[in-house]
Amino acid sequence: MTASRSSTPGASAAAAKPALLAPRAGLTPRGFDSTDVWIFDLDNTLYPAECNLFAEVDRRMGEFIARYLGVPYVYARHLQKTYYRQFGTTLAGLMKIHKLDPAEFLAYVHDIDLSPVGASPALRAEIEVLPGRRLIFTNGSHRHAERVAEKLGVLDLFEDICDIAACEYVPKPEAEAFQRMIRRHGVAAARAAMFEDMPMNLAVPHDLGMTTVLVHSSYLDHPVQQQMKSWTELPDHIHHMTLDLTGFLQDRRAPIGGPAGA
């Protein structure tokens, strides 16, 4: 596997850069020969985790829950993380347990300062030359994804944004979320590649036949992200790993249409 260039860590990054891991010995990862649909997660994937946007979203989720349920902030944070780990997203738990109308929640938690995100001409150049269609697939809101992609300078390169509302609030990593995205956008899974910072969100894409790419995130907010520290090779459902999305796409440009994994 081609090693990708690393991003410069910010204050939230670990002191030591993680190692780029290879697939299990003897396993040939899926390549990009036939890829004509490129699907990108948003948060901590299209933009570097070092922008620390999700920390602000995270804080605002706790504030909303405290106000909505009338509980102390500390307890609200406990519920927030419990629901996130149990249901895939905090919102899914709030809807299931507390019958929350999601619109107000999404509007509040995504009303954040995007100044840490700057235009990325290098990322734009690499996305622009990807052959075929490009989609953003996020557990966040359409407006949040739109604002972030606009700040990055890549919004116009994407055919559409498939957000949590478009999936009728079924979140990744649920298989039904991917099925709804596929049906909505007419995606042939075997011709698609999925880029994600959360390893569990790549299991279903792998099972469906997509090529999967883990964009390593320095934002640690889930037990699986801690477990990654003990990995010595990539799990079978993750075909490629990178520390830098732009560098990976640049390194992948030559193999597109040529030998996979060169």
C-alpha atoms as a PDB file:
ATOM      1  CA  MET A   1       0.000   0.000   0.000  1.00  0.00           C
ATOM      2  CA  THR A   2       1.300   3.436  -0.908  1.00  0.00           C
ATOM      3  CA  ALA A   3       2.130   5.509   2.173  1.00  0.00           C
ATOM      4  CA  SER A   4       0.392   8.880   2.174  1.00  0.00           C
ATOM      5  CA  ARG A   5       1.841  12.115   3.489  1.00  0.00           C
ATOM      6  CA  SER A   6       0.895  13.045   7.045  1.00  0.00           C
ATOM      7  CA  SER A   7      -0.896  16.196   8.133  1.00  0.00           C
ATOM      8  CA  THR A   8       0.772  18.421  10.722  1.00  0.00           C
ATOM      9  CA  PRO A   9      -0.902  17.599  14.038  1.00  0.00           C
ATOM     10  CA  GLY A  10      -2.711  20.338  15.913  1.00  0.00           C
ATOM     11  CA  ALA A  11      -3.240  20.738  19.617  1.00  0.00           C
ATOM     12  CA  SER A  12      -5.747  17.894  19.743  1.00  0.00           C
ATOM     13  CA  ALA A  13      -3.477  15.368  18.025  1.00  0.00           C
ATOM     14  CA  ALA A  14      -1.546  12.692  19.842  1.00  0.00           C
ATOM     15  CA  ALA A  15       2.117  13.436  20.513  1.00  0.00           C
ATOM     16  CA  ALA A  16       3.299  10.723  18.152  1.00  0.00           C
ATOM     17  CA  LYS A  17       1.905  10.212  14.684  1.00  0.00           C
ATOM     18  CA  PRO A  18       0.226   6.825  14.246  1.00  0.00           C
ATOM     19  CA  ALA A  19       1.805   4.310  11.943  1.00  0.00           C
ATOM     20  CA  LEU A  20       0.256   3.701   8.561  1.00  0.00           C
ATOM     21  CA  LEU A  21      -1.014   0.143   8.717  1.00  0.00           C
ATOM     22  CA  ALA A  22      -1.087  -2.320   5.865  1.00  0.00           C
ATOM     23  CA  PRO A  23      -3.781  -4.913   5.115  1.00  0.00           C
ATOM     24  CA  ARG A  24      -3.469  -8.357   6.665  1.00  0.00           C
ATOM     25  CA  ALA A  25      -0.623 -10.373   5.167  1.00  0.00           C
ATOM     26  CA  GLY A  26      -1.775 -12.234   2.074  1.00  0.00           C
ATOM     27  CA  LEU A  27      -4.859 -10.030   1.606  1.00  0.00           C
ATOM     28  CA  THR A  28      -5.004  -7.943  -1.568  1.00  0.00           C
ATOM     29  CA  PRO A  29      -7.045  -4.819  -0.845  1.00  0.00           C
ATOM     30  CA  ARG A  30      -9.681  -3.635  -3.266  1.00  0.00           C
ATOM     31  CA  GLY A  31      -8.420  -0.960  -5.596  1.00  0.00           C
ATOM     32  CA  PHE A  32      -9.976   1.844  -7.597  1.00  0.00           C
ATOM     33  CA  ASP A  33      -9.893   0.433 -11.132  1.00  0.00           C
ATOM     34  CA  SER A  34     -13.662   0.470 -11.563  1.00  0.00           C
ATOM     35  CA  THR A  35     -14.540   3.221  -9.090  1.00  0.00           C
ATOM     36  CA  ASP A  36     -16.877   5.811 -10.531  1.00  0.00           C
ATOM     37  CA  VAL A  37     -18.679   6.921  -7.351  1.00  0.00           C
ATOM     38  CA  TRP A  38     -16.555   8.575  -4.651  1.00  0.00           C
ATOM     39  CA  ILE A  39     -18.337   8.896  -1.306  1.00  0.00           C
ATOM     40  CA  PHE A  40     -16.884  11.027   1.483  1.00  0.00           C
ATOM     41  CA  ASP A  41     -17.857  11.392   5.105  1.00  0.00           C
ATOM     42  CA  LEU A  42     -17.681  15.009   6.248  1.00  0.00           C
ATOM     43  CA  ASP A  43     -16.502  15.593   9.815  1.00  0.00           C
ATOM     44  CA  ASN A  44     -12.831  14.758  10.437  1.00  0.00           C
ATOM     45  CA  THR A  45     -12.624  13.301   6.924  1.00  0.00           C
ATOM     46  CA  LEU A  46     -13.002  16.025   4.313  1.00  0.00           C
ATOM     47  CA  TYR A  47     -11.390  18.468   6.734  1.00  0.00           C
ATOM     48  CA  PRO A  48      -8.585  17.520   9.165  1.00  0.00           C
ATOM     49  CA  ALA A  49      -9.562  16.607  12.708  1.00  0.00           C
ATOM     50  CA  GLU A  50      -7.047  19.196  13.874  1.00  0.00           C
ATOM     51  CA  CYS A  51      -9.585  21.884  12.928  1.00  0.00           C
ATOM     52  CA  ASN A  52     -11.347  20.647  16.082  1.00  0.00           C
ATOM     53  CA  LEU A  53     -14.814  21.529  14.804  1.00  0.00           C
ATOM     54  CA  PHE A  54     -16.360  18.457  16.322  1.00  0.00           C
ATOM     55  CA  ALA A  55     -15.301  19.517  19.796  1.00  0.00           C
ATOM     56  CA  GLU A  56     -17.584  22.536  19.414  1.00  0.00           C
ATOM     57  CA  VAL A  57     -20.415  20.375  18.055  1.00  0.00           C
ATOM     58  CA  ASP A  58     -19.833  17.992  20.953  1.00  0.00           C
ATOM     59  CA  ARG A  59     -20.099  20.776  23.524  1.00  0.00           C
ATOM     60  CA  ARG A  60     -23.271  22.137  21.960  1.00  0.00           C
ATOM     61  CA  MET A  61     -24.873  18.687  22.036  1.00  0.00           C
ATOM     62  CA  GLY A  62     -24.325  18.573  25.784  1.00  0.00           C
ATOM     63  CA  GLU A  63     -25.797  22.057  26.167  1.00  0.00           C
ATOM     64  CA  PHE A  64     -28.871  21.149  24.132  1.00  0.00           C
ATOM     65  CA  ILE A  65     -29.530  17.953  26.086  1.00  0.00           C
ATOM     66  CA  ALA A  66     -29.140  19.739  29.421  1.00  0.00           C
ATOM     67  CA  ARG A  67     -31.659  22.364  28.363  1.00  0.00           C
ATOM     68  CA  TYR A  68     -34.061  19.960  26.626  1.00  0.00           C
ATOM     69  CA  LEU A  69     -34.205  17.446  29.484  1.00  0.00           C
ATOM     70  CA  GLY A  70     -33.703  19.923  32.316  1.00  0.00           C
ATOM     71  CA  VAL A  71     -30.710  18.037  33.724  1.00  0.00           C
ATOM     72  CA  PRO A  72     -27.241  19.169  34.866  1.00  0.00           C
ATOM     73  CA  TYR A  73     -24.677  19.533  32.104  1.00  0.00           C
ATOM     74  CA  VAL A  74     -22.519  16.724  33.532  1.00  0.00           C
ATOM     75  CA  TYR A  75     -25.424  14.283  33.369  1.00  0.00           C
ATOM     76  CA  ALA A  76     -26.354  15.540  29.905  1.00  0.00           C
ATOM     77  CA  ARG A  77     -22.837  14.728  28.739  1.00  0.00           C
ATOM     78  CA  HIS A  78     -23.132  11.238  30.200  1.00  0.00           C
ATOM     79  CA  LEU A  79     -26.360  10.651  28.287  1.00  0.00           C
ATOM     80  CA  GLN A  80     -24.853  12.125  25.152  1.00  0.00           C
ATOM     81  CA  LYS A  81     -21.932   9.675  25.093  1.00  0.00           C
ATOM     82  CA  THR A  82     -24.080   6.735  26.164  1.00  0.00           C
ATOM     83  CA  TYR A  83     -26.520   7.309  23.303  1.00  0.00           C
ATOM     84  CA  TYR A  84     -23.680   7.867  20.833  1.00  0.00           C
ATOM     85  CA  ARG A  85     -22.087   4.519  21.641  1.00  0.00           C
ATOM     86  CA  GLN A  86     -25.359   2.622  21.911  1.00  0.00           C
ATOM     87  CA  PHE A  87     -27.271   4.007  18.928  1.00  0.00           C
ATOM     88  CA  GLY A  88     -24.545   5.243  16.537  1.00  0.00           C
ATOM     89  CA  THR A  89     -25.379   8.913  17.056  1.00  0.00           C
ATOM     90  CA  THR A  90     -26.520  10.972  20.023  1.00  0.00           C
ATOM     91  CA  LEU A  91     -29.480  12.137  17.949  1.00  0.00           C
ATOM     92  CA  ALA A  92     -30.665   8.574  17.304  1.00  0.00           C
ATOM     93  CA  GLY A  93     -30.742   7.913  21.045  1.00  0.00           C
ATOM     94  CA  LEU A  94     -32.596  11.138  21.791  1.00  0.00           C
ATOM     95  CA  MET A  95     -35.187  10.336  19.147  1.00  0.00           C
ATOM     96  CA  LYS A  96     -35.654   6.768  20.342  1.00  0.00           C
ATOM     97  CA  ILE A  97     -35.662   7.380  24.088  1.00  0.00           C
ATOM     98  CA  HIS A  98     -37.035  10.924  24.352  1.00  0.00           C
ATOM     99  CA  LYS A  99     -39.039  11.283  21.104  1.00  0.00           C
ATOM    100  CA  LEU A 100     -37.024  14.355  20.149  1.00  0.00           C
ATOM    101  CA  ASP A 101     -37.893  16.278  16.984  1.00  0.00           C
ATOM    102  CA  PRO A 102     -34.457  16.332  15.293  1.00  0.00           C
ATOM    103  CA  ALA A 103     -34.693  19.646  13.409  1.00  0.00           C
ATOM    104  CA  GLU A 104     -34.097  21.918  16.407  1.00  0.00           C
ATOM    105  CA  PHE A 105     -31.279  19.706  17.692  1.00  0.00           C
ATOM    106  CA  LEU A 106     -29.417  19.704  14.364  1.00  0.00           C
ATOM    107  CA  ALA A 107     -29.824  23.451  13.920  1.00  0.00           C
ATOM    108  CA  TYR A 108     -28.435  24.138  17.385  1.00  0.00           C
ATOM    109  CA  VAL A 109     -25.466  21.753  17.436  1.00  0.00           C
ATOM    110  CA  HIS A 110     -24.231  22.798  13.978  1.00  0.00           C
ATOM    111  CA  ASP A 111     -24.424  26.531  14.644  1.00  0.00           C
ATOM    112  CA  ILE A 112     -20.661  26.705  15.074  1.00  0.00           C
ATOM    113  CA  ASP A 113     -17.705  28.893  14.130  1.00  0.00           C
ATOM    114  CA  LEU A 114     -16.098  27.544  10.944  1.00  0.00           C
ATOM    115  CA  SER A 115     -13.115  29.893  10.981  1.00  0.00           C
ATOM    116  CA  PRO A 116     -10.657  26.998  11.655  1.00  0.00           C
ATOM    117  CA  VAL A 117     -11.570  25.586   8.233  1.00  0.00           C
ATOM    118  CA  GLY A 118      -9.802  27.271   5.351  1.00  0.00           C
ATOM    119  CA  ALA A 119      -9.957  26.838   1.608  1.00  0.00           C
ATOM    120  CA  SER A 120      -7.956  23.847   0.402  1.00  0.00           C
ATOM    121  CA  PRO A 121      -6.959  24.294  -3.245  1.00  0.00           C
ATOM    122  CA  ALA A 122      -4.880  21.100  -3.091  1.00  0.00           C
ATOM    123  CA  LEU A 123      -7.847  19.029  -1.912  1.00  0.00           C
ATOM    124  CA  ARG A 124     -10.051  20.658  -4.533  1.00  0.00           C
ATOM    125  CA  ALA A 125      -7.597  19.771  -7.282  1.00  0.00           C
ATOM    126  CA  GLU A 126      -7.541  16.108  -6.262  1.00  0.00           C
ATOM    127  CA  ILE A 127     -11.314  15.755  -5.895  1.00  0.00           C
ATOM    128  CA  GLU A 128     -11.878  17.533  -9.189  1.00  0.00           C
ATOM    129  CA  VAL A 129      -9.942  14.923 -11.177  1.00  0.00           C
ATOM    130  CA  LEU A 130     -11.686  11.911  -9.622  1.00  0.00           C
ATOM    131  CA  PRO A 131     -13.487  10.193 -12.490  1.00  0.00           C
ATOM    132  CA  GLY A 132     -17.227   9.884 -12.048  1.00  0.00           C
ATOM    133  CA  ARG A 133     -19.628  11.082  -9.383  1.00  0.00           C
ATOM    134  CA  ARG A 134     -18.832  12.487  -5.923  1.00  0.00           C
ATOM    135  CA  LEU A 135     -21.112  12.476  -2.896  1.00  0.00           C
ATOM    136  CA  ILE A 136     -20.917  13.603   0.723  1.00  0.00           C
ATOM    137  CA  PHE A 137     -22.542  11.118   3.110  1.00  0.00           C
ATOM    138  CA  THR A 138     -22.844  12.418   6.655  1.00  0.00           C
ATOM    139  CA  ASN A 139     -24.655  11.754   9.926  1.00  0.00           C
ATOM    140  CA  GLY A 140     -24.853  15.530  10.274  1.00  0.00           C
ATOM    141  CA  SER A 141     -27.182  18.008   8.630  1.00  0.00           C
ATOM    142  CA  HIS A 142     -27.254  19.065   4.987  1.00  0.00           C
ATOM    143  CA  ARG A 143     -26.656  22.700   5.927  1.00  0.00           C
ATOM    144  CA  HIS A 144     -23.623  21.845   8.075  1.00  0.00           C
ATOM    145  CA  ALA A 145     -22.072  19.810   5.269  1.00  0.00           C
ATOM    146  CA  GLU A 146     -22.846  22.544   2.770  1.00  0.00           C
ATOM    147  CA  ARG A 147     -21.213  25.242   4.917  1.00  0.00           C
ATOM    148  CA  VAL A 148     -18.083  23.183   5.577  1.00  0.00           C
ATOM    149  CA  ALA A 149     -17.666  22.105   1.950  1.00  0.00           C
ATOM    150  CA  GLU A 150     -18.127  25.705   0.873  1.00  0.00           C
ATOM    151  CA  LYS A 151     -15.393  26.827   3.277  1.00  0.00           C
ATOM    152  CA  LEU A 152     -13.072  24.145   1.909  1.00  0.00           C
ATOM    153  CA  GLY A 153     -13.826  25.359  -1.614  1.00  0.00           C
ATOM    154  CA  VAL A 154     -15.132  21.978  -2.819  1.00  0.00           C
ATOM    155  CA  LEU A 155     -18.929  22.258  -2.566  1.00  0.00           C
ATOM    156  CA  ASP A 156     -19.491  22.653  -6.301  1.00  0.00           C
ATOM    157  CA  LEU A 157     -17.540  19.451  -7.015  1.00  0.00           C
ATOM    158  CA  PHE A 158     -20.129  17.248  -5.292  1.00  0.00           C
ATOM    159  CA  GLU A 159     -23.261  15.990  -6.988  1.00  0.00           C
ATOM    160  CA  ASP A 160     -25.197  15.956  -3.730  1.00  0.00           C
ATOM    161  CA  ILE A 161     -25.107  15.678   0.055  1.00  0.00           C
ATOM    162  CA  CYS A 162     -26.817  12.685   1.656  1.00  0.00           C
ATOM    163  CA  ASP A 163     -27.433  13.812   5.220  1.00  0.00           C
ATOM    164  CA  ILE A 164     -29.126  12.256   8.230  1.00  0.00           C
ATOM    165  CA  ALA A 165     -32.532  13.639   7.212  1.00  0.00           C
ATOM    166  CA  ALA A 166     -32.233  12.125   3.728  1.00  0.00           C
ATOM    167  CA  CYS A 167     -31.724   8.749   5.445  1.00  0.00           C
ATOM    168  CA  GLU A 168     -34.828   9.381   7.567  1.00  0.00           C
ATOM    169  CA  TYR A 169     -32.583   9.700  10.623  1.00  0.00           C
ATOM    170  CA  VAL A 170     -31.139   6.207  10.371  1.00  0.00           C
ATOM    171  CA  PRO A 171     -27.426   6.828  11.033  1.00  0.00           C
ATOM    172  CA  LYS A 172     -24.220   5.194   9.939  1.00  0.00           C
ATOM    173  CA  PRO A 173     -23.039   2.541  10.790  1.00  0.00           C
ATOM    174  CA  GLU A 174     -26.522   0.994  10.363  1.00  0.00           C
ATOM    175  CA  ALA A 175     -26.820  -1.059   7.186  1.00  0.00           C
ATOM    176  CA  GLU A 176     -30.151   0.601   6.435  1.00  0.00           C
ATOM    177  CA  ALA A 177     -28.471   4.020   6.303  1.00  0.00           C
ATOM    178  CA  PHE A 178     -26.199   2.807   3.510  1.00  0.00           C
ATOM    179  CA  GLN A 179     -29.067   1.098   1.727  1.00  0.00           C
ATOM    180  CA  ARG A 180     -31.086   4.304   1.797  1.00  0.00           C
ATOM    181  CA  MET A 181     -28.137   6.300   0.457  1.00  0.00           C
ATOM    182  CA  ILE A 182     -27.592   3.740  -2.318  1.00  0.00           C
ATOM    183  CA  ARG A 183     -31.253   3.759  -3.340  1.00  0.00           C
ATOM    184  CA  ARG A 184     -31.527   7.537  -3.182  1.00  0.00           C
ATOM    185  CA  HIS A 185     -28.491   8.136  -5.366  1.00  0.00           C
ATOM    186  CA  GLY A 186     -28.482   5.063  -7.578  1.00  0.00           C
ATOM    187  CA  VAL A 187     -25.072   3.890  -6.396  1.00  0.00           C
ATOM    188  CA  ALA A 188     -23.624   0.602  -7.627  1.00  0.00           C
ATOM    189  CA  ALA A 189     -21.712  -0.469  -4.516  1.00  0.00           C
ATOM    190  CA  ALA A 190     -19.087  -2.479  -6.405  1.00  0.00           C
ATOM    191  CA  ARG A 191     -18.166   0.703  -8.301  1.00  0.00           C
ATOM    192  CA  ALA A 192     -17.982   2.932  -5.227  1.00  0.00           C
ATOM    193  CA  ALA A 193     -15.296   3.969  -2.742  1.00  0.00           C
ATOM    194  CA  MET A 194     -16.091   5.121   0.800  1.00  0.00           C
ATOM    195  CA  PHE A 195     -13.833   7.469   2.802  1.00  0.00           C
ATOM    196  CA  GLU A 196     -14.464   7.587   6.574  1.00  0.00           C
ATOM    197  CA  ASP A 197     -12.711   8.459   9.831  1.00  0.00           C
ATOM    198  CA  MET A 198     -14.738   5.989  11.935  1.00  0.00           C
ATOM    199  CA  PRO A 199     -13.685   2.336  11.376  1.00  0.00           C
ATOM    200  CA  MET A 200     -17.089   0.857  12.225  1.00  0.00           C
ATOM    201  CA  ASN A 201     -18.673   2.978   9.495  1.00  0.00           C
ATOM    202  CA  LEU A 202     -16.667   1.064   6.889  1.00  0.00           C
ATOM    203  CA  ALA A 203     -17.905  -2.433   7.771  1.00  0.00           C
ATOM    204  CA  VAL A 204     -21.150  -2.224   5.801  1.00  0.00           C
ATOM    205  CA  PRO A 205     -19.538  -0.560   2.753  1.00  0.00           C
ATOM    206  CA  HIS A 206     -17.018  -3.410   2.693  1.00  0.00           C
ATOM    207  CA  ASP A 207     -19.786  -6.003   2.894  1.00  0.00           C
ATOM    208  CA  LEU A 208     -21.606  -4.249   0.048  1.00  0.00           C
ATOM    209  CA  GLY A 209     -18.523  -4.420  -2.170  1.00  0.00           C
ATOM    210  CA  MET A 210     -17.171  -0.877  -1.893  1.00  0.00           C
ATOM    211  CA  THR A 211     -13.478  -0.024  -1.648  1.00  0.00           C
ATOM    212  CA  THR A 212     -12.953   1.409   1.842  1.00  0.00           C
ATOM    213  CA  VAL A 213     -10.485   4.038   3.019  1.00  0.00           C
ATOM    214  CA  LEU A 214      -9.924   4.957   6.675  1.00  0.00           C
ATOM    215  CA  VAL A 215      -8.913   8.594   7.071  1.00  0.00           C
ATOM    216  CA  HIS A 216      -7.168   8.542  10.445  1.00  0.00           C
ATOM    217  CA  SER A 217      -8.592  11.041  12.925  1.00  0.00           C
ATOM    218  CA  SER A 218      -6.776  12.461  15.919  1.00  0.00           C
ATOM    219  CA  TYR A 219     -10.153  13.184  17.533  1.00  0.00           C
ATOM    220  CA  LEU A 220     -10.705  10.450  20.121  1.00  0.00           C
ATOM    221  CA  ASP A 221     -14.348  10.149  21.128  1.00  0.00           C
ATOM    222  CA  HIS A 222     -15.276   6.495  20.770  1.00  0.00           C
ATOM    223  CA  PRO A 223     -13.892   3.243  22.257  1.00  0.00           C
ATOM    224  CA  VAL A 224     -13.028   1.917  18.795  1.00  0.00           C
ATOM    225  CA  GLN A 225     -10.698   4.879  18.275  1.00  0.00           C
ATOM    226  CA  GLN A 226      -8.800   3.835  21.387  1.00  0.00           C
ATOM    227  CA  GLN A 227      -8.731   0.219  20.198  1.00  0.00           C
ATOM    228  CA  MET A 228      -7.093   1.336  16.953  1.00  0.00           C
ATOM    229  CA  LYS A 229      -3.922   2.096  18.914  1.00  0.00           C
ATOM    230  CA  SER A 230      -3.366  -1.631  19.395  1.00  0.00           C
ATOM    231  CA  TRP A 231      -3.865  -2.542  15.734  1.00  0.00           C
ATOM    232  CA  THR A 232      -0.847  -4.071  13.994  1.00  0.00           C
ATOM    233  CA  GLU A 233      -2.618  -4.433  10.642  1.00  0.00           C
ATOM    234  CA  LEU A 234      -5.830  -3.218   9.110  1.00  0.00           C
ATOM    235  CA  PRO A 235      -9.042  -5.142   9.777  1.00  0.00           C
ATOM    236  CA  ASP A 236     -10.297  -6.964   6.700  1.00  0.00           C
ATOM    237  CA  HIS A 237     -13.114  -4.450   6.164  1.00  0.00           C
ATOM    238  CA  ILE A 238     -10.652  -1.557   5.786  1.00  0.00           C
ATOM    239  CA  HIS A 239      -8.701  -1.740   2.541  1.00  0.00           C
ATOM    240  CA  HIS A 240      -6.590   1.407   2.833  1.00  0.00           C
ATOM    241  CA  MET A 241      -5.568   3.861   5.546  1.00  0.00           C
ATOM    242  CA  THR A 242      -4.227   7.390   5.272  1.00  0.00           C
ATOM    243  CA  LEU A 243      -3.195  10.191   7.592  1.00  0.00           C
ATOM    244  CA  ASP A 244      -3.880  12.796   4.904  1.00  0.00           C
ATOM    245  CA  LEU A 245      -6.799  12.686   2.476  1.00  0.00           C
ATOM    246  CA  THR A 246      -5.280  15.069  -0.060  1.00  0.00           C
ATOM    247  CA  GLY A 247      -2.017  13.154  -0.139  1.00  0.00           C
ATOM    248  CA  PHE A 248      -3.826   9.843  -0.503  1.00  0.00           C
ATOM    249  CA  LEU A 249      -5.886  11.071  -3.445  1.00  0.00           C
ATOM    250  CA  GLN A 250      -2.757  12.441  -5.068  1.00  0.00           C
ATOM    251  CA  ASP A 251      -0.896   9.167  -4.575  1.00  0.00           C
ATOM    252  CA  ARG A 252      -3.912   7.271  -5.880  1.00  0.00           C
ATOM    253  CA  ARG A 253      -4.201   9.333  -9.048  1.00  0.00           C
ATOM    254  CA  ALA A 254      -1.730   7.233 -11.035  1.00  0.00           C
ATOM    255  CA  PRO A 255      -3.352   3.880 -10.183  1.00  0.00           C
ATOM    256  CA  ILE A 256      -6.838   5.072 -11.153  1.00  0.00           C
ATOM    257  CA  GLY A 257      -7.496   3.146 -14.343  1.00  0.00           C
ATOM    258  CA  GLY A 258      -4.280   1.186 -13.793  1.00  0.00           C
ATOM    259  CA  PRO A 259      -3.134  -1.591 -11.458  1.00  0.00           C
ATOM    260  CA  ALA A 260      -4.891  -1.367  -8.108  1.00  0.00           C
ATOM    261  CA  GLY A 261      -2.691  -0.564  -5.131  1.00  0.00           C
ATOM    262  CA  ALA A 262       0.322   0.566  -7.167  1.00  0.00           C
END
